[in-house]
PDB file of N, CA and C in Angstrom:
ATOM      1  N   UNK A   1     -10.895   3.818  17.619  1.00  0.00           N
ATOM      2  CA  UNK A   1     -11.438   4.118  16.288  1.00  0.00           C
ATOM      3  C   UNK A   1     -10.482   3.614  15.302  1.00  0.00           C
ATOM      4  N   UNK A   2     -10.950   2.827  14.362  1.00  0.00           N
ATOM      5  CA  UNK A   2     -10.250   2.426  13.180  1.00  0.00           C
ATOM      6  C   UNK A   2     -10.461   3.383  12.055  1.00  0.00           C
ATOM      7  N   UNK A   3      -9.514   3.630  11.198  1.00  0.00           N
ATOM      8  CA  UNK A   3      -9.718   4.456   9.975  1.00  0.00           C
ATOM      9  C   UNK A   3     -10.686   3.609   9.074  1.00  0.00           C
ATOM     10  N   UNK A   4     -11.625   4.289   8.632  1.00  0.00           N
ATOM     11  CA  UNK A   4     -12.640   3.712   7.784  1.00  0.00           C
ATOM     12  C   UNK A   4     -12.979   4.651   6.587  1.00  0.00           C
ATOM     13  N   UNK A   5     -12.740   4.216   5.384  1.00  0.00           N
ATOM     14  CA  UNK A   5     -13.071   4.940   4.291  1.00  0.00           C
ATOM     15  C   UNK A   5     -14.497   4.749   3.800  1.00  0.00           C
ATOM     16  N   UNK A   6     -15.254   5.837   3.770  1.00  0.00           N
ATOM     17  CA  UNK A   6     -16.700   5.720   3.361  1.00  0.00           C
ATOM     18  C   UNK A   6     -16.983   5.993   1.941  1.00  0.00           C
ATOM     19  N   UNK A   7     -15.941   6.842   1.295  1.00  0.00           N
ATOM     20  CA  UNK A   7     -16.199   7.161  -0.056  1.00  0.00           C
ATOM     21  C   UNK A   7     -14.851   7.299  -0.743  1.00  0.00           C
ATOM     22  N   UNK A   8     -14.763   6.738  -1.966  1.00  0.00           N
ATOM     23  CA  UNK A   8     -13.531   6.752  -2.771  1.00  0.00           C
ATOM     24  C   UNK A   8     -13.773   7.735  -3.860  1.00  0.00           C
ATOM     25  N   UNK A   9     -12.740   8.680  -4.070  1.00  0.00           N
ATOM     26  CA  UNK A   9     -12.816   9.610  -5.103  1.00  0.00           C
ATOM     27  C   UNK A   9     -11.683   9.300  -6.094  1.00  0.00           C
ATOM     28  N   UNK A  10     -12.086   9.060  -7.340  1.00  0.00           N
ATOM     29  CA  UNK A  10     -11.147   8.791  -8.456  1.00  0.00           C
ATOM     30  C   UNK A  10     -10.224   7.590  -8.086  1.00  0.00           C
ATOM     31  N   UNK A  11     -10.659   6.654  -7.310  1.00  0.00           N
ATOM     32  CA  UNK A  11      -9.912   5.460  -6.957  1.00  0.00           C
ATOM     33  C   UNK A  11     -10.864   4.341  -6.452  1.00  0.00           C
ATOM     34  N   UNK A  12     -10.370   3.207  -6.124  1.00  0.00           N
ATOM     35  CA  UNK A  12     -11.176   2.121  -5.716  1.00  0.00           C
ATOM     36  C   UNK A  12     -10.530   1.545  -4.442  1.00  0.00           C
ATOM     37  N   UNK A  13     -11.290   0.748  -3.750  1.00  0.00           N
ATOM     38  CA  UNK A  13     -10.797   0.053  -2.559  1.00  0.00           C
ATOM     39  C   UNK A  13      -9.628  -0.773  -2.955  1.00  0.00           C
ATOM     40  N   UNK A  14      -9.648  -1.539  -4.092  1.00  0.00           N
ATOM     41  CA  UNK A  14      -8.592  -2.356  -4.493  1.00  0.00           C
ATOM     42  C   UNK A  14      -7.280  -1.582  -4.800  1.00  0.00           C
ATOM     43  N   UNK A  15      -7.471  -0.380  -5.428  1.00  0.00           N
ATOM     44  CA  UNK A  15      -6.263   0.508  -5.704  1.00  0.00           C
ATOM     45  C   UNK A  15      -5.635   0.902  -4.384  1.00  0.00           C
ATOM     46  N   UNK A  16      -6.434   1.323  -3.405  1.00  0.00           N
ATOM     47  CA  UNK A  16      -5.856   1.733  -2.177  1.00  0.00           C
ATOM     48  C   UNK A  16      -5.124   0.620  -1.463  1.00  0.00           C
ATOM     49  N   UNK A  17      -5.713  -0.576  -1.346  1.00  0.00           N
ATOM     50  CA  UNK A  17      -5.106  -1.691  -0.679  1.00  0.00           C
ATOM     51  C   UNK A  17      -4.000  -2.233  -1.484  1.00  0.00           C
ATOM     52  N   UNK A  18      -3.941  -1.995  -2.798  1.00  0.00           N
ATOM     53  CA  UNK A  18      -2.860  -2.401  -3.637  1.00  0.00           C
ATOM     54  C   UNK A  18      -1.669  -1.461  -3.704  1.00  0.00           C
ATOM     55  N   UNK A  19      -1.775  -0.320  -2.956  1.00  0.00           N
ATOM     56  CA  UNK A  19      -0.772   0.643  -2.851  1.00  0.00           C
ATOM     57  C   UNK A  19      -0.351   1.237  -4.132  1.00  0.00           C
ATOM     58  N   UNK A  20      -1.387   1.573  -4.930  1.00  0.00           N
ATOM     59  CA  UNK A  20      -1.058   2.247  -6.281  1.00  0.00           C
ATOM     60  C   UNK A  20      -0.941   3.743  -6.276  1.00  0.00           C
ATOM     61  N   UNK A  21      -1.266   4.356  -5.157  1.00  0.00           N
ATOM     62  CA  UNK A  21      -1.242   5.796  -5.100  1.00  0.00           C
ATOM     63  C   UNK A  21      -0.438   6.244  -3.926  1.00  0.00           C
ATOM     64  N   UNK A  22       0.076   7.502  -3.998  1.00  0.00           N
ATOM     65  CA  UNK A  22       0.613   8.157  -2.838  1.00  0.00           C
ATOM     66  C   UNK A  22      -0.543   8.850  -2.257  1.00  0.00           C
ATOM     67  N   UNK A  23      -0.443   8.895  -0.854  1.00  0.00           N
ATOM     68  CA  UNK A  23      -1.614   9.418  -0.047  1.00  0.00           C
ATOM     69  C   UNK A  23      -1.314  10.743   0.481  1.00  0.00           C
ATOM     70  N   UNK A  24      -2.337  11.622   0.455  1.00  0.00           N
ATOM     71  CA  UNK A  24      -2.174  12.911   1.133  1.00  0.00           C
ATOM     72  C   UNK A  24      -3.304  13.099   2.142  1.00  0.00           C
ATOM     73  N   UNK A  25      -2.986  13.722   3.363  1.00  0.00           N
ATOM     74  CA  UNK A  25      -3.908  13.892   4.364  1.00  0.00           C
ATOM     75  C   UNK A  25      -3.982  15.368   4.670  1.00  0.00           C
ATOM     76  N   UNK A  26      -5.222  15.961   4.712  1.00  0.00           N
ATOM     77  CA  UNK A  26      -5.271  17.336   5.104  1.00  0.00           C
ATOM     78  C   UNK A  26      -5.882  17.447   6.530  1.00  0.00           C
ATOM     79  N   UNK A  27      -5.121  18.178   7.303  1.00  0.00           N
ATOM     80  CA  UNK A  27      -5.469  18.303   8.722  1.00  0.00           C
ATOM     81  C   UNK A  27      -5.786  19.759   9.105  1.00  0.00           C
ATOM     82  N   UNK A  28      -6.937  19.982   9.600  1.00  0.00           N
ATOM     83  CA  UNK A  28      -7.325  21.326  10.096  1.00  0.00           C
ATOM     84  C   UNK A  28      -7.039  21.408  11.575  1.00  0.00           C
ATOM     85  N   UNK A  29      -6.152  22.211  11.938  1.00  0.00           N
ATOM     86  CA  UNK A  29      -5.829  22.448  13.397  1.00  0.00           C
ATOM     87  C   UNK A  29      -7.016  22.958  14.241  1.00  0.00           C
ATOM     88  N   UNK A  30      -7.929  23.711  13.499  1.00  0.00           N
ATOM     89  CA  UNK A  30      -9.038  24.175  14.243  1.00  0.00           C
ATOM     90  C   UNK A  30     -10.235  23.102  14.402  1.00  0.00           C
ATOM     91  N   UNK A  31     -10.037  22.070  13.845  1.00  0.00           N
ATOM     92  CA  UNK A  31     -11.062  20.997  13.889  1.00  0.00           C
ATOM     93  C   UNK A  31     -10.763  20.097  15.123  1.00  0.00           C
ATOM     94  N   UNK A  32     -11.710  19.949  16.123  1.00  0.00           N
ATOM     95  CA  UNK A  32     -11.401  19.220  17.323  1.00  0.00           C
ATOM     96  C   UNK A  32     -11.293  17.689  17.040  1.00  0.00           C
ATOM     97  N   UNK A  33     -11.724  17.274  15.923  1.00  0.00           N
ATOM     98  CA  UNK A  33     -11.557  15.840  15.557  1.00  0.00           C
ATOM     99  C   UNK A  33     -10.078  15.412  15.394  1.00  0.00           C
ATOM    100  N   UNK A  34      -9.267  16.329  14.991  1.00  0.00           N
ATOM    101  CA  UNK A  34      -7.830  16.092  14.745  1.00  0.00           C
ATOM    102  C   UNK A  34      -7.026  16.172  16.072  1.00  0.00           C
ATOM    103  N   UNK A  35      -7.293  15.184  16.940  1.00  0.00           N
ATOM    104  CA  UNK A  35      -6.484  15.028  18.151  1.00  0.00           C
ATOM    105  C   UNK A  35      -5.191  14.342  17.822  1.00  0.00           C
ATOM    106  N   UNK A  36      -4.253  14.372  18.669  1.00  0.00           N
ATOM    107  CA  UNK A  36      -2.981  13.693  18.429  1.00  0.00           C
ATOM    108  C   UNK A  36      -3.184  12.281  18.119  1.00  0.00           C
ATOM    109  N   UNK A  37      -4.137  11.659  18.917  1.00  0.00           N
ATOM    110  CA  UNK A  37      -4.437  10.232  18.628  1.00  0.00           C
ATOM    111  C   UNK A  37      -5.081   9.971  17.233  1.00  0.00           C
ATOM    112  N   UNK A  38      -6.014  10.726  16.833  1.00  0.00           N
ATOM    113  CA  UNK A  38      -6.585  10.553  15.516  1.00  0.00           C
ATOM    114  C   UNK A  38      -5.562  10.906  14.369  1.00  0.00           C
ATOM    115  N   UNK A  39      -4.743  11.855  14.541  1.00  0.00           N
ATOM    116  CA  UNK A  39      -3.718  12.062  13.519  1.00  0.00           C
ATOM    117  C   UNK A  39      -2.747  10.914  13.402  1.00  0.00           C
ATOM    118  N   UNK A  40      -2.412  10.396  14.554  1.00  0.00           N
ATOM    119  CA  UNK A  40      -1.489   9.203  14.545  1.00  0.00           C
ATOM    120  C   UNK A  40      -2.092   8.075  13.831  1.00  0.00           C
ATOM    121  N   UNK A  41      -3.385   7.842  14.091  1.00  0.00           N
ATOM    122  CA  UNK A  41      -4.107   6.815  13.412  1.00  0.00           C
ATOM    123  C   UNK A  41      -4.133   6.916  11.878  1.00  0.00           C
ATOM    124  N   UNK A  42      -4.405   8.131  11.461  1.00  0.00           N
ATOM    125  CA  UNK A  42      -4.416   8.353  10.048  1.00  0.00           C
ATOM    126  C   UNK A  42      -3.047   8.204   9.388  1.00  0.00           C
ATOM    127  N   UNK A  43      -1.973   8.663  10.103  1.00  0.00           N
ATOM    128  CA  UNK A  43      -0.622   8.516   9.548  1.00  0.00           C
ATOM    129  C   UNK A  43      -0.269   7.047   9.462  1.00  0.00           C
ATOM    130  N   UNK A  44      -0.546   6.273  10.543  1.00  0.00           N
ATOM    131  CA  UNK A  44      -0.184   4.870  10.503  1.00  0.00           C
ATOM    132  C   UNK A  44      -0.842   4.163   9.441  1.00  0.00           C
ATOM    133  N   UNK A  45      -2.139   4.433   9.227  1.00  0.00           N
ATOM    134  CA  UNK A  45      -2.913   3.822   8.102  1.00  0.00           C
ATOM    135  C   UNK A  45      -2.313   4.224   6.795  1.00  0.00           C
ATOM    136  N   UNK A  46      -1.935   5.455   6.678  1.00  0.00           N
ATOM    137  CA  UNK A  46      -1.323   5.977   5.400  1.00  0.00           C
ATOM    138  C   UNK A  46      -0.028   5.316   5.155  1.00  0.00           C
ATOM    139  N   UNK A  47       0.777   5.085   6.060  1.00  0.00           N
ATOM    140  CA  UNK A  47       2.073   4.412   5.946  1.00  0.00           C
ATOM    141  C   UNK A  47       1.939   2.957   5.359  1.00  0.00           C
ATOM    142  N   UNK A  48       0.873   2.345   5.723  1.00  0.00           N
ATOM    143  CA  UNK A  48       0.556   0.942   5.288  1.00  0.00           C
ATOM    144  C   UNK A  48       0.029   0.936   3.823  1.00  0.00           C
ATOM    145  N   UNK A  49      -0.697   2.018   3.458  1.00  0.00           N
ATOM    146  CA  UNK A  49      -1.433   1.890   2.144  1.00  0.00           C
ATOM    147  C   UNK A  49      -0.795   2.851   1.080  1.00  0.00           C
ATOM    148  N   UNK A  50       0.181   3.552   1.402  1.00  0.00           N
ATOM    149  CA  UNK A  50       0.737   4.508   0.409  1.00  0.00           C
ATOM    150  C   UNK A  50       1.720   3.765  -0.572  1.00  0.00           C
ATOM    151  N   UNK A  51       1.800   4.299  -1.796  1.00  0.00           N
ATOM    152  CA  UNK A  51       2.794   3.851  -2.775  1.00  0.00           C
ATOM    153  C   UNK A  51       4.133   3.992  -2.399  1.00  0.00           C
ATOM    154  N   UNK A  52       4.593   5.296  -2.185  1.00  0.00           N
ATOM    155  CA  UNK A  52       5.972   5.742  -1.898  1.00  0.00           C
ATOM    156  C   UNK A  52       6.058   6.701  -0.729  1.00  0.00           C
ATOM    157  N   UNK A  53       5.122   7.631  -0.723  1.00  0.00           N
ATOM    158  CA  UNK A  53       5.258   8.727   0.357  1.00  0.00           C
ATOM    159  C   UNK A  53       3.858   9.303   0.686  1.00  0.00           C
ATOM    160  N   UNK A  54       3.858  10.045   1.809  1.00  0.00           N
ATOM    161  CA  UNK A  54       2.666  10.675   2.268  1.00  0.00           C
ATOM    162  C   UNK A  54       2.839  12.181   2.287  1.00  0.00           C
ATOM    163  N   UNK A  55       1.888  12.953   1.884  1.00  0.00           N
ATOM    164  CA  UNK A  55       1.807  14.412   1.994  1.00  0.00           C
ATOM    165  C   UNK A  55       0.856  14.683   3.117  1.00  0.00           C
ATOM    166  N   UNK A  56       1.292  15.421   4.146  1.00  0.00           N
ATOM    167  CA  UNK A  56       0.519  16.006   5.165  1.00  0.00           C
ATOM    168  C   UNK A  56       0.281  17.519   5.037  1.00  0.00           C
ATOM    169  N   UNK A  57      -0.963  17.847   4.730  1.00  0.00           N
ATOM    170  CA  UNK A  57      -1.201  19.251   4.484  1.00  0.00           C
ATOM    171  C   UNK A  57      -1.943  19.762   5.798  1.00  0.00           C
ATOM    172  N   UNK A  58      -1.314  20.708   6.456  1.00  0.00           N
ATOM    173  CA  UNK A  58      -1.853  21.333   7.541  1.00  0.00           C
ATOM    174  C   UNK A  58      -2.547  22.712   7.175  1.00  0.00           C
ATOM    175  N   UNK A  59      -3.821  22.690   7.319  1.00  0.00           N
ATOM    176  CA  UNK A  59      -4.729  23.732   6.772  1.00  0.00           C
ATOM    177  C   UNK A  59      -5.246  24.705   7.859  1.00  0.00           C
ATOM    178  N   UNK A  60      -5.539  25.889   7.488  1.00  0.00           N
ATOM    179  CA  UNK A  60      -6.295  26.757   8.342  1.00  0.00           C
ATOM    180  C   UNK A  60      -7.737  26.829   7.714  1.00  0.00           C
ATOM    181  N   UNK A  61      -8.564  27.759   8.363  1.00  0.00           N
ATOM    182  CA  UNK A  61      -9.978  27.863   7.847  1.00  0.00           C
ATOM    183  C   UNK A  61     -10.044  28.181   6.314  1.00  0.00           C
ATOM    184  N   UNK A  62      -9.214  29.119   5.840  1.00  0.00           N
ATOM    185  CA  UNK A  62      -9.326  29.592   4.377  1.00  0.00           C
ATOM    186  C   UNK A  62      -8.954  28.426   3.579  1.00  0.00           C
ATOM    187  N   UNK A  63      -7.913  27.703   3.849  1.00  0.00           N
ATOM    188  CA  UNK A  63      -7.462  26.556   2.939  1.00  0.00           C
ATOM    189  C   UNK A  63      -8.436  25.467   2.898  1.00  0.00           C
ATOM    190  N   UNK A  64      -9.204  25.304   3.929  1.00  0.00           N
ATOM    191  CA  UNK A  64     -10.218  24.230   3.934  1.00  0.00           C
ATOM    192  C   UNK A  64     -11.203  24.431   2.818  1.00  0.00           C
ATOM    193  N   UNK A  65     -11.664  25.678   2.539  1.00  0.00           N
ATOM    194  CA  UNK A  65     -12.610  25.977   1.465  1.00  0.00           C
ATOM    195  C   UNK A  65     -11.903  25.824   0.063  1.00  0.00           C
ATOM    196  N   UNK A  66     -10.650  26.068  -0.044  1.00  0.00           N
ATOM    197  CA  UNK A  66      -9.992  25.799  -1.269  1.00  0.00           C
ATOM    198  C   UNK A  66      -9.893  24.332  -1.617  1.00  0.00           C
ATOM    199  N   UNK A  67      -9.676  23.575  -0.623  1.00  0.00           N
ATOM    200  CA  UNK A  67      -9.526  22.150  -0.897  1.00  0.00           C
ATOM    201  C   UNK A  67     -10.810  21.513  -1.199  1.00  0.00           C
ATOM    202  N   UNK A  68     -11.911  21.907  -0.445  1.00  0.00           N
ATOM    203  CA  UNK A  68     -13.287  21.374  -0.779  1.00  0.00           C
ATOM    204  C   UNK A  68     -13.727  21.765  -2.149  1.00  0.00           C
TER     205      UNK A  68
END
């Protein structure tokens, strides 16, 4: 699985590929999608595309609704 962005919020594809933003990733440990392999793919992608740093936010069920 390659990381694929299907929707950009307050940004563009060009800005992401131009490394103009710092990237944050929210991970829900209760979501079965977030396997070690998928988390590693997201982190590797973020390292390539971030401006300076990455924020990894590990959420539980309640935080998921706050972020949404």
